[in-house]
Protein backbone atom coordinates (compact mmCIF):
# COMPACT_ATOMS: atom_id res chain seq x y z
CA MET A 1 134.29 118.82 -115.35
CA LYS A 2 133.13 120.40 -118.61
CA LYS A 3 136.61 120.16 -120.12
CA ARG A 4 136.81 116.49 -119.13
CA VAL A 5 133.47 115.77 -120.83
CA MET A 6 134.58 117.63 -123.96
CA ALA A 7 137.85 115.69 -123.99
CA MET A 8 135.96 112.38 -123.80
CA ALA A 9 133.63 113.50 -126.58
CA LEU A 10 136.52 114.54 -128.78
CA ALA A 11 138.34 111.28 -128.18
CA SER A 12 135.22 109.33 -129.18
CA ALA A 13 134.79 111.50 -132.27
CA MET A 14 138.41 110.92 -133.29
CA VAL A 15 138.04 107.13 -132.94
CA LEU A 16 134.85 107.17 -135.00
CA SER A 17 136.51 109.39 -137.60
CA MET A 18 139.29 106.90 -138.07
CA THR A 19 137.03 103.84 -138.28
CA ALA A 20 133.64 104.83 -139.72
CA PRO A 21 133.46 103.95 -143.44
CA ALA A 22 131.01 106.58 -144.67
CA THR A 23 128.31 109.06 -143.77
CA ALA A 24 124.63 108.24 -143.70
CA ALA A 25 124.04 110.01 -147.00
CA ASP A 26 126.65 107.87 -148.74
CA GLU A 27 124.74 104.74 -147.73
CA GLY A 28 121.41 106.16 -148.90
CA GLN A 29 120.10 106.67 -145.38
CA GLU A 30 118.13 109.65 -144.16
CA ILE A 31 120.10 112.34 -142.38
CA ALA A 32 119.38 112.31 -138.61
CA GLY A 33 116.85 109.54 -139.18
CA GLY A 34 114.60 111.94 -141.04
CA LYS A 35 114.09 114.16 -137.98
CA ASP A 36 113.97 117.89 -138.55
CA VAL A 37 117.38 119.41 -137.90
CA SER A 38 118.24 123.10 -137.88
CA LEU A 39 121.90 124.01 -138.28
CA THR A 40 123.74 127.32 -138.00
CA LEU A 41 126.77 128.13 -140.15
CA TRP A 42 129.11 130.99 -139.24
CA LEU A 43 131.66 132.56 -141.56
CA THR A 44 133.77 135.70 -141.61
CA PRO A 45 133.84 137.70 -144.87
CA SER A 46 135.83 136.08 -147.66
CA TRP A 47 134.64 136.30 -151.27
CA LYS A 48 131.45 137.76 -152.68
CA GLY A 49 129.03 135.83 -154.88
CA VAL A 50 128.50 132.14 -155.50
CA PHE A 51 131.03 131.68 -158.26
CA SER A 52 131.90 135.30 -159.08
CA GLY A 53 131.74 138.72 -157.51
CA ASP A 54 130.14 139.99 -160.73
CA GLU A 55 126.89 138.19 -159.98
CA PRO A 56 123.81 140.34 -159.16
CA ASP A 57 123.53 141.03 -155.42
CA ALA A 58 126.79 139.20 -154.77
CA ASP A 59 127.63 139.18 -151.07
CA TYR A 60 129.81 137.31 -148.60
CA ASP A 61 127.11 134.80 -147.76
CA SER A 62 125.96 134.11 -151.34
CA PHE A 63 127.88 130.86 -151.86
CA PHE A 64 127.01 129.44 -148.46
CA LYS A 65 123.32 130.21 -148.82
CA GLU A 66 123.32 128.59 -152.27
CA ALA A 67 125.06 125.49 -150.93
CA ALA A 68 122.58 125.33 -148.03
CA LYS A 69 119.67 125.68 -150.45
CA ARG A 70 120.92 122.87 -152.67
CA TYR A 71 121.52 120.62 -149.69
CA ASN A 72 118.06 121.31 -148.30
CA GLU A 73 116.53 120.31 -151.64
CA MET A 74 118.18 116.89 -151.26
CA HIS A 75 117.50 116.67 -147.50
CA PRO A 76 114.33 118.68 -146.73
CA ASN A 77 114.56 117.83 -143.03
CA VAL A 78 117.85 119.76 -142.68
CA THR A 79 117.74 123.56 -142.62
CA ILE A 80 120.98 125.56 -142.58
CA ASN A 81 120.98 129.17 -141.42
CA VAL A 82 123.96 131.21 -142.60
CA GLU A 83 125.39 134.08 -140.55
CA VAL A 84 128.29 136.38 -141.48
CA ILE A 85 130.26 137.55 -138.45
CA ALA A 86 133.03 140.14 -138.27
CA GLY A 87 136.56 138.78 -138.13
CA ASP A 88 137.49 140.99 -135.20
CA SER A 89 134.60 139.64 -133.12
CA ARG A 90 134.95 135.96 -134.10
CA ASP A 91 136.90 134.86 -131.01
CA GLU A 92 134.65 136.76 -128.63
CA LYS A 93 131.50 135.26 -130.16
CA LEU A 94 132.93 131.75 -130.17
CA ASN A 95 134.16 132.02 -126.58
CA VAL A 96 130.73 133.19 -125.44
CA ALA A 97 129.08 130.40 -127.44
CA GLU A 98 131.37 127.84 -125.81
CA SER A 99 130.58 129.05 -122.31
CA THR A 100 126.82 129.13 -122.95
CA ASP A 101 126.56 125.87 -124.94
CA THR A 102 125.35 127.76 -128.01
CA LEU A 103 128.10 126.90 -130.49
CA PRO A 104 127.21 127.13 -134.17
CA ASP A 105 127.10 123.78 -135.93
CA ILE A 106 129.45 124.65 -138.79
CA VAL A 107 132.18 127.25 -139.17
CA TYR A 108 133.93 128.25 -142.39
CA GLU A 109 137.16 129.94 -141.44
CA GLY A 110 140.94 129.94 -141.76
CA ALA A 111 142.64 126.95 -140.18
CA PHE A 112 145.06 129.00 -138.12
CA THR A 113 142.32 131.13 -136.54
CA MET A 114 140.55 128.03 -135.22
CA SER A 115 143.42 125.90 -133.93
CA SER A 116 142.73 126.83 -130.31
CA TYR A 117 139.20 125.48 -130.61
CA TYR A 118 140.09 121.97 -131.67
CA HIS A 119 142.64 121.86 -128.87
CA LYS A 120 139.76 122.79 -126.53
CA GLY A 121 137.59 119.97 -127.92
CA SER A 122 135.14 122.36 -129.56
CA ILE A 123 135.62 120.91 -133.07
CA VAL A 124 135.16 117.26 -134.05
CA ALA A 125 137.48 115.33 -136.35
CA LEU A 126 136.37 114.79 -139.94
CA ASP A 127 138.48 111.86 -141.10
CA ASP A 128 135.42 109.65 -141.63
CA ILE A 129 134.14 111.93 -144.43
CA ILE A 130 137.49 112.29 -146.21
CA SER A 131 138.19 109.77 -148.95
CA GLU A 132 141.48 108.58 -150.39
CA ASP A 133 140.58 110.50 -153.54
CA ASP A 134 140.21 113.68 -151.46
CA LYS A 135 143.61 113.11 -149.91
CA ALA A 136 145.23 112.56 -153.30
CA ASP A 137 143.58 115.62 -154.86
CA ILE A 138 144.79 118.04 -152.16
CA ALA A 139 148.48 118.60 -151.44
CA ASP A 140 150.01 117.25 -148.24
CA GLY A 141 151.06 120.75 -147.20
CA ILE A 142 147.42 121.86 -147.21
CA TRP A 143 146.32 118.89 -145.13
CA GLU A 144 149.10 119.58 -142.61
CA ASN A 145 147.50 122.95 -141.87
CA CYS A 146 144.28 121.12 -140.92
CA GLN A 147 145.60 118.31 -138.75
CA VAL A 148 146.90 117.68 -135.25
CA GLU A 149 148.21 114.35 -134.00
CA GLY A 150 146.94 112.56 -137.11
CA ALA A 151 143.34 113.82 -136.83
CA THR A 152 141.81 116.18 -139.41
CA PHE A 153 139.68 118.97 -137.96
CA ILE A 154 139.12 121.07 -141.07
CA PHE A 155 138.01 119.99 -144.54
CA PRO A 156 140.09 122.36 -146.70
CA PHE A 157 138.19 124.21 -149.40
CA ALA A 158 140.44 127.04 -150.58
CA HIS A 159 143.55 128.94 -149.64
CA MET A 160 144.68 132.55 -149.81
CA PRO A 161 148.37 133.36 -150.30
CA GLY A 162 149.44 136.54 -148.56
CA THR A 163 151.66 139.09 -150.30
CA LEU A 164 152.23 142.80 -150.59
CA ILE A 165 150.34 144.91 -153.12
CA TYR A 166 151.58 148.10 -154.75
CA ASN A 167 150.17 150.92 -156.84
CA ALA A 168 152.18 150.64 -160.06
CA ASP A 169 150.88 154.02 -161.26
CA MET A 170 152.48 155.66 -158.24
CA PHE A 171 155.71 153.74 -158.84
CA LYS A 172 155.86 155.15 -162.36
CA THR A 173 155.23 158.66 -161.08
CA ALA A 174 158.11 158.24 -158.61
CA GLY A 175 160.47 156.89 -161.29
CA LEU A 176 160.42 153.34 -159.91
CA ASP A 177 159.76 151.57 -163.21
CA ASP A 178 162.65 149.14 -162.64
CA TYR A 179 160.88 147.71 -159.59
CA ILE A 180 157.60 147.05 -161.40
CA LYS A 181 156.99 143.49 -162.56
CA GLY A 182 154.42 142.21 -165.02
CA GLU A 183 150.70 142.42 -164.38
CA TYR A 184 150.56 138.70 -163.59
CA GLU A 185 153.92 138.42 -161.84
CA ILE A 186 154.86 138.72 -158.17
CA ALA A 187 157.76 141.12 -157.70
CA THR A 188 160.61 140.25 -155.34
CA TRP A 189 162.53 143.01 -153.56
CA SER A 190 165.23 142.81 -150.92
CA PRO A 191 164.81 144.74 -147.64
CA ASP A 192 167.29 147.35 -148.94
CA GLU A 193 165.32 147.70 -152.17
CA LEU A 194 162.08 148.14 -150.26
CA ARG A 195 163.64 151.01 -148.33
CA GLU A 196 164.82 152.58 -151.60
CA ILE A 197 161.31 152.26 -153.03
CA LEU A 198 159.62 153.77 -149.99
CA THR A 199 162.13 156.61 -149.85
CA ALA A 200 161.48 157.51 -153.49
CA LEU A 201 157.74 157.45 -152.87
CA ARG A 202 158.08 159.67 -149.82
CA ASP A 203 160.28 162.18 -151.65
CA CYS A 204 158.17 162.39 -154.82
CA GLU A 205 156.52 165.82 -154.82
CA GLU A 206 153.84 164.69 -157.26
CA LEU A 207 152.67 162.13 -154.69
CA GLY A 208 152.23 164.65 -151.92
CA GLY A 209 149.86 163.33 -149.27
CA VAL A 210 150.47 159.67 -150.17
CA TYR A 211 151.99 157.46 -147.48
CA PRO A 212 154.66 155.07 -148.82
CA MET A 213 153.61 151.91 -146.95
CA SER A 214 150.89 150.60 -144.65
CA LEU A 215 151.61 149.49 -141.09
CA PHE A 216 149.08 148.55 -138.40
CA CYS A 217 149.00 146.94 -134.97
CA MET A 218 145.89 148.18 -133.19
CA ASN A 219 144.68 144.60 -132.79
CA ASN A 220 145.51 141.08 -133.94
CA GLN A 221 143.71 141.24 -137.28
CA ALA A 222 145.93 140.54 -140.32
CA ASP A 223 148.89 140.23 -137.95
CA THR A 224 150.38 137.53 -140.18
CA TRP A 225 152.10 140.28 -142.15
CA ASN A 226 153.72 141.57 -138.95
CA LEU A 227 154.76 138.02 -138.08
CA THR A 228 156.31 137.72 -141.51
CA TYR A 229 158.16 141.04 -141.22
CA LEU A 230 159.80 139.65 -138.06
CA ARG A 231 161.16 136.74 -140.12
CA MET A 232 162.64 139.14 -142.67
CA PHE A 233 166.28 138.44 -141.76
CA GLY A 234 166.01 134.68 -141.29
CA ASN A 235 164.49 134.25 -137.84
CA THR A 236 162.51 131.00 -137.57
CA PHE A 237 160.14 132.45 -134.94
CA PHE A 238 159.77 129.04 -133.26
CA ASP A 239 162.66 126.86 -132.10
CA GLU A 240 162.89 123.08 -132.36
CA THR A 241 160.81 122.68 -129.18
CA GLY A 242 157.99 124.81 -130.56
CA HIS A 243 158.74 127.79 -128.32
CA LEU A 244 159.24 131.37 -129.46
CA CYS A 245 162.74 132.50 -130.37
CA VAL A 246 161.99 135.74 -132.21
CA ASN A 247 163.98 137.75 -129.66
CA GLU A 248 167.19 136.41 -131.16
CA GLU A 249 169.47 138.84 -132.99
CA ASN A 250 167.94 138.37 -136.44
CA GLY A 251 164.42 138.85 -135.08
CA VAL A 252 165.40 142.04 -133.26
CA LYS A 253 167.07 143.29 -136.45
CA ALA A 254 163.80 142.79 -138.33
CA LEU A 255 161.72 144.71 -135.78
CA GLN A 256 164.28 147.50 -135.72
CA TYR A 257 164.06 147.68 -139.52
CA ILE A 258 160.29 148.26 -139.26
CA LEU A 259 160.72 150.80 -136.45
CA ASP A 260 163.25 152.69 -138.57
CA LEU A 261 160.87 152.75 -141.54
CA SER A 262 158.22 154.26 -139.30
CA ALA A 263 160.60 156.80 -137.72
CA ASP A 264 161.79 157.91 -141.17
CA GLY A 265 158.28 158.62 -142.42
CA LEU A 266 158.25 155.64 -144.77
CA THR A 267 155.05 154.15 -143.35
CA VAL A 268 151.65 155.54 -142.49
CA PRO A 269 151.88 157.37 -139.14
CA GLY A 270 150.08 156.16 -136.03
CA ALA A 271 150.33 152.44 -136.83
CA GLU A 272 149.73 151.65 -133.16
CA SER A 273 146.14 152.90 -133.54
CA LEU A 274 145.42 151.65 -137.07
CA THR A 275 143.73 148.40 -138.09
CA SER A 276 144.28 146.37 -141.23
CA ASN A 277 140.85 147.52 -142.42
CA ASP A 278 141.95 151.13 -142.05
CA CYS A 279 145.05 150.54 -144.16
CA ASN A 280 143.22 148.48 -146.77
CA ALA A 281 140.70 151.30 -147.23
CA MET A 282 143.51 153.84 -147.53
CA PHE A 283 145.23 151.76 -150.20
CA GLN A 284 141.99 151.45 -152.16
CA ASN A 285 141.54 155.22 -151.90
CA GLN A 286 145.10 155.64 -153.23
CA GLN A 287 146.39 157.18 -150.00
CA ILE A 288 149.01 154.42 -149.54
CA ALA A 289 151.37 153.14 -152.24
CA VAL A 290 152.42 149.75 -150.80
CA SER A 291 150.16 147.65 -148.61
CA PHE A 292 149.13 144.11 -147.77
CA THR A 293 146.78 141.74 -149.56
CA ASN A 294 145.83 138.13 -150.09
CA SER A 295 144.34 136.45 -153.13
CA THR A 296 140.76 137.10 -152.01
CA LEU A 297 141.31 140.75 -151.14
CA TYR A 298 143.04 141.20 -154.48
CA THR A 299 140.15 139.57 -156.37
CA ASN A 300 137.65 141.72 -154.48
CA LEU A 301 139.66 144.84 -155.33
CA GLN A 302 139.69 143.98 -159.02
CA THR A 303 135.92 143.39 -158.90
CA ASP A 304 135.33 146.69 -157.10
CA MET A 305 137.41 148.54 -159.68
CA SER A 306 135.57 146.91 -162.57
CA ASN A 307 132.13 147.78 -161.22
CA GLY A 308 133.06 151.34 -160.28
CA THR A 309 133.01 150.94 -156.50
CA VAL A 310 136.71 151.80 -156.40
CA GLU A 311 138.43 154.20 -158.80
CA PRO A 312 140.58 152.01 -161.10
CA PHE A 313 144.37 151.98 -160.77
CA ASP A 314 147.18 149.55 -161.62
CA ALA A 315 147.52 147.26 -158.57
CA ARG A 316 150.21 144.57 -158.67
CA LEU A 317 151.71 142.06 -156.26
CA ALA A 318 155.06 141.70 -154.49
CA ASN A 319 156.56 139.32 -152.00
CA ILE A 320 157.29 140.33 -148.45
CA PRO A 321 161.04 141.08 -148.61
CA GLY A 322 163.53 138.84 -146.92
CA ASP A 323 167.23 138.18 -146.69
CA PRO A 324 168.40 135.91 -148.26
CA GLU A 325 164.99 135.12 -149.80
CA PRO A 326 161.49 136.55 -149.68
CA HIS A 327 158.67 135.18 -147.57
CA SER A 328 155.11 134.18 -148.27
CA PHE A 329 152.35 132.39 -146.42
CA THR A 330 148.91 131.08 -147.18
CA TYR A 331 145.66 130.96 -145.26
CA VAL A 332 144.05 127.55 -145.65
CA SER A 333 140.29 127.94 -145.24
CA GLY A 334 137.69 125.26 -144.85
CA PHE A 335 134.71 123.83 -143.03
CA MET A 336 134.57 122.67 -139.41
CA ALA A 337 131.89 120.73 -137.53
CA MET A 338 131.53 122.08 -134.03
CA ASN A 339 131.17 119.82 -131.01
CA THR A 340 127.65 120.82 -129.98
CA GLY A 341 127.05 117.56 -128.14
CA ASP A 342 124.02 116.83 -130.34
CA GLU A 343 124.72 113.68 -132.38
CA ASP A 344 122.07 114.41 -135.00
CA ARG A 345 123.31 117.95 -135.59
CA ILE A 346 126.93 116.83 -135.74
CA ALA A 347 126.07 114.06 -138.22
CA ALA A 348 124.10 116.47 -140.42
CA SER A 349 126.88 119.06 -140.22
CA LYS A 350 129.51 116.58 -141.33
CA ASP A 351 127.34 115.36 -144.17
CA PHE A 352 126.79 118.93 -145.39
CA ILE A 353 130.53 119.61 -145.19
CA GLN A 354 131.28 116.50 -147.22
CA TYR A 355 128.71 117.57 -149.81
CA VAL A 356 130.07 121.10 -150.22
CA CYS A 357 133.70 120.02 -150.34
CA THR A 358 133.20 117.27 -152.91
CA ASP A 359 130.36 118.47 -155.16
CA GLU A 360 131.87 118.90 -158.62
CA GLU A 361 130.16 122.23 -159.22
CA LEU A 362 130.33 123.80 -155.77
CA VAL A 363 134.09 123.22 -155.41
CA LEU A 364 134.61 125.50 -158.40
CA ALA A 365 133.75 128.43 -156.11
CA SER A 366 137.20 128.00 -154.57
CA LYS A 367 138.57 129.90 -157.58
CA ASN A 368 137.41 133.05 -155.79
CA THR A 369 140.46 132.57 -153.58
CA LEU A 370 142.73 129.75 -154.78
CA PRO A 371 141.63 126.13 -155.14
CA VAL A 372 143.18 123.51 -152.90
CA ARG A 373 142.20 120.71 -155.27
CA THR A 374 144.49 119.86 -158.16
CA SER A 375 141.46 118.82 -160.21
CA VAL A 376 139.85 122.25 -159.76
CA THR A 377 143.11 124.05 -160.54
CA GLU A 378 143.25 122.27 -163.88
CA GLN A 379 139.68 123.30 -164.69
CA VAL A 380 140.03 127.00 -163.84
CA LYS A 381 143.66 127.79 -164.65
CA ASP A 382 142.73 129.65 -167.84
CA GLU A 383 140.44 131.94 -165.80
CA MET A 384 143.16 132.75 -163.26
CA PRO A 385 146.15 134.44 -164.89
CA LEU A 386 147.95 134.84 -161.54
CA LEU A 387 147.72 131.15 -160.72
CA GLU A 388 151.09 130.35 -162.30
CA ALA A 389 152.81 133.08 -160.27
CA TYR A 390 151.17 131.90 -157.04
CA ASN A 391 152.23 128.33 -157.73
CA ALA A 392 155.81 129.41 -158.43
CA ASN A 393 155.76 131.40 -155.19
CA ALA A 394 154.87 128.33 -153.15
CA GLN A 395 158.58 127.69 -152.51
CA TYR A 396 158.62 130.66 -150.11
CA ILE A 397 155.59 129.61 -148.03
CA PHE A 398 156.07 128.74 -144.35
CA ASN A 399 153.66 127.48 -141.67
CA PHE A 400 153.27 130.54 -139.47
CA SER A 401 151.10 129.07 -136.69
CA ASN A 402 152.66 125.65 -136.03
CA ASN A 403 149.04 124.49 -135.46
CA MET A 404 149.70 125.09 -131.80
CA PRO A 405 147.22 125.26 -128.94
CA GLY A 406 146.74 128.78 -127.67
CA TYR A 407 147.61 130.41 -130.98
CA ASN A 408 144.75 132.89 -130.75
CA GLU A 409 145.90 133.93 -127.28
CA LEU A 410 149.45 134.19 -128.61
CA ARG A 411 148.27 136.68 -131.22
CA ASN A 412 146.91 138.90 -128.46
CA VAL A 413 150.33 139.03 -126.82
CA LEU A 414 152.17 140.38 -129.87
CA PHE A 415 150.40 143.56 -130.91
CA PRO A 416 150.71 145.35 -127.52
CA GLU A 417 154.48 144.80 -127.69
CA LEU A 418 154.61 146.19 -131.22
CA GLN A 419 152.63 149.20 -130.04
CA ALA A 420 155.06 149.77 -127.17
CA ALA A 421 158.02 149.63 -129.54
CA LEU A 422 156.42 151.99 -132.06
CA ILE A 423 155.66 154.70 -129.50
CA GLY A 424 159.10 154.38 -127.91
CA GLN A 425 158.11 152.81 -124.61
CA LYS A 426 160.32 149.79 -125.33
CA THR A 427 163.31 149.02 -127.51
CA ALA A 428 163.01 146.34 -130.16
CA GLN A 429 164.91 143.94 -127.89
CA GLU A 430 162.75 144.72 -124.85
CA ALA A 431 159.51 144.33 -126.79
CA LEU A 432 160.50 140.97 -128.23
CA ASP A 433 161.92 139.73 -124.93
CA ASP A 434 158.60 140.47 -123.25
CA TYR A 435 156.67 138.89 -126.12
CA VAL A 436 158.74 135.71 -125.95
CA GLU A 437 158.38 135.46 -122.17
CA LYS A 438 154.61 135.94 -122.20
CA GLY A 439 154.12 133.97 -125.41
CA ASN A 440 155.97 130.89 -124.19
CA GLN A 441 153.75 130.86 -121.11
CA VAL A 442 150.74 130.83 -123.44
CA ILE A 443 152.25 127.96 -125.45
CA ASP A 444 152.98 125.87 -122.34
CA GLU A 445 149.52 126.48 -120.90
CA GLY A 446 147.94 125.64 -124.24
CA ARG A 447 149.74 122.33 -124.44
CA ALA A 448 148.87 121.45 -120.86
CA ASN A 449 145.17 122.13 -121.50
CA SER A 450 144.90 120.62 -124.98
CA VAL A 451 142.44 117.74 -125.16
CA VAL A 452 144.23 116.60 -128.32
CA TYR A 453 147.59 116.20 -126.61
CA ASN A 454 146.15 115.02 -123.30
CA GLN A 455 143.50 112.43 -124.11
């Protein structure tokens, strides 16, 4: 019964989104009729500070609290409470909130992490607060990450390309100068070259105690890098029907490549019990030479090195290797209005989202990751020396989630299979066969239960 009600509510919201001309604020009306409204905004850690991590007392909630403060000054009847939640507890907290009717009003998060929730009817469409100018200022590929069946569920604010990161000082020590690219370039290596690099790092006596490369699969956090490794030899991951096909020969070859790196001591040991946070900390402490990063993590690292939190070293970027070409992806992040069932709160949430995503000053904060707006890119390009390299790298970006229902559940199917392969309980073929079998069940169930596909 509850799912049916949510489906009806979502359908109504989608119709309104496609027909309503503007929000109340645009027409000079009071938000929620002037009634006092208290909203809650959840976010997982992204960047620190309002516009820069160098600001005094910069923290992960600084920008959102500042935006809430400015909005409250314009609309004193609307109070917005900001809460930072851990990424590894996001799904659990949201699932509990759904079941207890205590959803937050607004969520700022990556599009792919939230796709299951708009298929459940827990997020309302936002098309009524998106103008033609907004659509023209943000690339179609970004919008595609935020839409299902023609409805937009996320107002994109920024994006974070994912790459590898390497310690260029260690490369020089190991005699790997030829593989080092410029400070503001993204290196491209083939899978064979990556193995050569890792072997030289492992065998360098001066780097004793340093692990060549990070690897982790204790949980689903930062699993996009593992998904990308499995595409290393050309596997598409999903077939033309939207089902998993990573157990094909080229997918199995990719997993075997990773297993061989681990067996040969070219990755950090015990990946089955390590998290991405563990490996990121080890890279920052110069215990790992090659690891993972995205534009926000990289910016935060540079800030931490400049303020003395992390001992400075020469950190540079590289693509995830592939044959015949490298791979890259990007996390599109933005604001979502949750389907709380309270019309006043939903209206106020959408108006706040429109304000934050279109205010000429606040949108400049997207430079802390990468701006989605062309207009912002033009304004900040001189402050972002890596922007040109990221833009050139866009040709290698793929949509890793397919915006499918059940994607969060699908993530939870993969890492146990990777663990089983790493500890020798399953072969690469067996692990991927089991993943595909279980994963396709998740995909089919997700489609059957999606209120977007089954209105």
